[in-house]
């Protein structure tokens, strides 16, 4: 590889209104020093902190509006 590494770099995708997508597997170090891991091929990391599964995104960031009836 041109960067001198045996493995290709991880791809990280930033989304405007949603999570950060990271090609897995990943190891995430939390603020308190704990480490959590995921072996999924793509991992969605929560940036809004609304997720009940933090640091993993559970789509809680999506606006939930009640439909109006006429």
N, C-alpha and C. Protein backbone atom coordinates (compact mmCIF):
# COMPACT_ATOMS: atom_id res chain seq x y z
N UNK A 1 0.84 -1.18 0.00
CA UNK A 1 0.00 0.00 0.00
C UNK A 1 0.89 1.25 0.00
N UNK A 2 0.45 2.30 -0.65
CA UNK A 2 1.27 3.52 -0.72
C UNK A 2 1.52 4.18 0.63
N UNK A 3 0.63 3.98 1.61
CA UNK A 3 0.80 4.64 2.90
C UNK A 3 1.70 3.83 3.84
N UNK A 4 2.25 2.70 3.37
CA UNK A 4 3.15 1.90 4.17
C UNK A 4 2.46 0.97 5.16
N UNK A 5 1.15 0.91 5.12
CA UNK A 5 0.39 0.05 6.02
C UNK A 5 -0.03 -1.21 5.29
N UNK A 6 -0.20 -2.29 6.05
CA UNK A 6 -0.66 -3.55 5.48
C UNK A 6 -2.16 -3.50 5.18
N UNK A 7 -2.90 -2.70 5.95
CA UNK A 7 -4.34 -2.60 5.77
C UNK A 7 -4.70 -1.25 5.15
N UNK A 8 -5.77 -1.23 4.34
CA UNK A 8 -6.20 0.07 3.79
C UNK A 8 -6.79 0.93 4.91
N UNK A 9 -6.81 2.24 4.74
CA UNK A 9 -7.37 3.11 5.78
C UNK A 9 -8.88 2.90 5.90
N UNK A 10 -9.41 3.18 7.07
CA UNK A 10 -10.86 3.10 7.31
C UNK A 10 -11.52 4.28 6.61
N UNK A 11 -12.70 4.03 6.05
CA UNK A 11 -13.46 5.11 5.43
C UNK A 11 -14.45 5.63 6.46
N UNK A 12 -14.46 6.96 6.65
CA UNK A 12 -15.37 7.64 7.57
C UNK A 12 -16.22 8.58 6.73
N UNK A 13 -17.55 8.47 6.86
CA UNK A 13 -18.47 9.30 6.09
C UNK A 13 -19.25 10.20 7.05
N UNK A 14 -19.14 11.51 6.85
CA UNK A 14 -19.88 12.47 7.66
C UNK A 14 -21.20 12.75 6.97
N UNK A 15 -22.29 12.74 7.74
CA UNK A 15 -23.61 13.03 7.19
C UNK A 15 -24.13 14.31 7.82
N UNK A 16 -24.90 15.08 7.07
CA UNK A 16 -25.36 16.39 7.53
C UNK A 16 -26.25 16.30 8.77
N UNK A 17 -27.26 15.47 8.73
CA UNK A 17 -28.24 15.42 9.82
C UNK A 17 -28.30 14.06 10.51
N UNK A 18 -27.23 13.34 10.46
CA UNK A 18 -27.28 12.01 11.04
C UNK A 18 -25.97 11.59 11.66
N UNK A 19 -25.74 10.31 11.70
CA UNK A 19 -24.56 9.78 12.36
C UNK A 19 -23.30 9.88 11.50
N UNK A 20 -22.19 9.54 12.12
CA UNK A 20 -20.94 9.37 11.40
C UNK A 20 -20.87 7.88 11.04
N UNK A 21 -20.65 7.58 9.77
CA UNK A 21 -20.57 6.20 9.31
C UNK A 21 -19.11 5.80 9.19
N UNK A 22 -18.75 4.67 9.79
CA UNK A 22 -17.37 4.19 9.79
C UNK A 22 -17.36 2.76 9.28
N UNK A 23 -16.48 2.48 8.32
CA UNK A 23 -16.33 1.10 7.87
C UNK A 23 -15.72 0.30 9.00
N UNK A 24 -16.36 -0.79 9.37
CA UNK A 24 -15.94 -1.59 10.51
C UNK A 24 -14.95 -2.66 10.13
N UNK A 25 -14.53 -3.43 11.09
CA UNK A 25 -14.89 -3.36 12.50
C UNK A 25 -14.23 -2.15 13.18
N UNK A 26 -14.82 -1.72 14.29
CA UNK A 26 -14.30 -0.55 15.00
C UNK A 26 -14.20 -0.80 16.50
N UNK A 27 -13.33 -0.05 17.12
CA UNK A 27 -13.20 -0.02 18.58
C UNK A 27 -13.34 1.46 18.96
N UNK A 28 -14.28 1.76 19.86
CA UNK A 28 -14.55 3.13 20.27
C UNK A 28 -14.20 3.29 21.74
N UNK A 29 -13.40 4.30 22.05
CA UNK A 29 -13.06 4.61 23.44
C UNK A 29 -14.00 5.71 23.90
N UNK A 30 -14.79 5.44 24.94
CA UNK A 30 -15.76 6.39 25.48
C UNK A 30 -15.07 7.39 26.40
N UNK A 31 -15.79 8.46 26.75
CA UNK A 31 -15.24 9.52 27.59
C UNK A 31 -14.73 9.00 28.93
N UNK A 32 -15.39 7.97 29.46
CA UNK A 32 -14.99 7.44 30.77
C UNK A 32 -13.88 6.40 30.68
N UNK A 33 -13.35 6.18 29.46
CA UNK A 33 -12.24 5.26 29.27
C UNK A 33 -12.65 3.84 28.88
N UNK A 34 -13.95 3.53 28.97
CA UNK A 34 -14.42 2.21 28.55
C UNK A 34 -14.27 2.07 27.04
N UNK A 35 -14.09 0.84 26.59
CA UNK A 35 -13.96 0.55 25.17
C UNK A 35 -15.12 -0.33 24.74
N UNK A 36 -15.76 0.04 23.63
CA UNK A 36 -16.83 -0.77 23.04
C UNK A 36 -16.42 -1.11 21.62
N UNK A 37 -16.83 -2.28 21.16
CA UNK A 37 -16.42 -2.76 19.84
C UNK A 37 -17.63 -3.17 19.01
N UNK A 38 -17.47 -3.07 17.70
CA UNK A 38 -18.46 -3.57 16.77
C UNK A 38 -17.72 -4.21 15.61
N UNK A 39 -18.19 -5.38 15.19
CA UNK A 39 -17.56 -6.05 14.05
C UNK A 39 -18.40 -5.95 12.78
N UNK A 40 -19.39 -5.05 12.80
CA UNK A 40 -20.23 -4.85 11.61
C UNK A 40 -19.41 -4.22 10.49
N UNK A 41 -19.84 -4.43 9.23
CA UNK A 41 -19.09 -3.89 8.10
C UNK A 41 -19.21 -2.37 7.98
N UNK A 42 -20.32 -1.79 8.47
CA UNK A 42 -20.47 -0.34 8.58
C UNK A 42 -21.11 -0.04 9.92
N UNK A 43 -20.55 0.92 10.63
CA UNK A 43 -21.02 1.27 11.97
C UNK A 43 -21.48 2.73 11.94
N UNK A 44 -22.65 2.99 12.53
CA UNK A 44 -23.16 4.36 12.62
C UNK A 44 -22.92 4.86 14.04
N UNK A 45 -22.11 5.91 14.16
CA UNK A 45 -21.80 6.49 15.47
C UNK A 45 -22.68 7.71 15.71
N UNK A 46 -23.32 7.74 16.86
CA UNK A 46 -24.23 8.82 17.23
C UNK A 46 -23.43 10.08 17.56
N UNK A 47 -23.86 11.22 17.00
CA UNK A 47 -23.23 12.49 17.33
C UNK A 47 -24.19 13.43 18.07
N UNK A 48 -25.48 13.08 18.12
CA UNK A 48 -26.46 13.95 18.78
C UNK A 48 -26.71 13.55 20.23
N UNK A 49 -26.23 12.38 20.62
CA UNK A 49 -26.38 11.84 21.98
C UNK A 49 -27.82 11.54 22.37
N UNK A 50 -28.73 11.42 21.40
CA UNK A 50 -30.11 11.04 21.70
C UNK A 50 -30.31 9.53 21.67
N UNK A 51 -29.34 8.81 21.17
CA UNK A 51 -29.45 7.37 21.01
C UNK A 51 -29.51 6.65 22.35
N UNK A 52 -30.42 5.71 22.46
CA UNK A 52 -30.47 4.86 23.66
C UNK A 52 -29.38 3.81 23.63
N UNK A 53 -28.75 3.65 22.47
CA UNK A 53 -27.68 2.66 22.30
C UNK A 53 -26.32 3.35 22.15
N UNK A 54 -26.19 4.58 22.65
CA UNK A 54 -24.97 5.37 22.49
C UNK A 54 -23.74 4.55 22.87
N UNK A 55 -22.67 4.54 22.08
CA UNK A 55 -22.32 5.46 21.01
C UNK A 55 -22.86 5.06 19.65
N UNK A 56 -23.60 3.96 19.56
CA UNK A 56 -24.16 3.51 18.29
C UNK A 56 -25.44 4.30 18.00
N UNK A 57 -25.67 4.65 16.77
CA UNK A 57 -26.85 5.41 16.38
C UNK A 57 -28.06 4.48 16.28
N UNK A 58 -29.19 4.90 16.86
CA UNK A 58 -30.44 4.15 16.72
C UNK A 58 -31.50 4.98 15.99
N UNK A 59 -31.08 6.00 15.27
CA UNK A 59 -31.90 6.93 14.49
C UNK A 59 -32.81 7.81 15.34
N UNK A 60 -32.52 7.99 16.61
CA UNK A 60 -33.30 8.87 17.47
C UNK A 60 -33.20 10.33 17.03
N UNK A 61 -32.22 10.66 16.21
CA UNK A 61 -32.03 12.04 15.75
C UNK A 61 -33.11 12.46 14.76
N UNK A 62 -33.80 11.50 14.19
CA UNK A 62 -34.84 11.83 13.20
C UNK A 62 -36.00 12.55 13.86
N UNK A 63 -36.47 13.58 13.21
CA UNK A 63 -37.61 14.33 13.74
C UNK A 63 -38.85 13.45 13.70
N UNK A 64 -39.57 13.46 14.80
CA UNK A 64 -40.79 12.66 14.87
C UNK A 64 -41.95 13.63 15.07
N UNK A 65 -42.70 13.81 14.00
CA UNK A 65 -43.83 14.73 14.06
C UNK A 65 -45.12 13.94 13.93
N UNK A 66 -46.14 14.35 14.69
CA UNK A 66 -47.45 13.72 14.58
C UNK A 66 -48.13 14.25 13.33
N UNK A 67 -48.83 13.37 12.66
CA UNK A 67 -49.57 13.78 11.47
C UNK A 67 -50.84 14.51 11.89
N UNK A 68 -51.12 15.59 11.19
CA UNK A 68 -52.35 16.34 11.45
C UNK A 68 -53.49 15.70 10.68
N UNK A 69 -54.63 15.67 11.31
CA UNK A 69 -55.82 15.17 10.62
C UNK A 69 -56.68 16.36 10.24
N UNK A 70 -57.24 16.31 9.06
CA UNK A 70 -58.03 17.44 8.54
C UNK A 70 -59.34 17.62 9.24
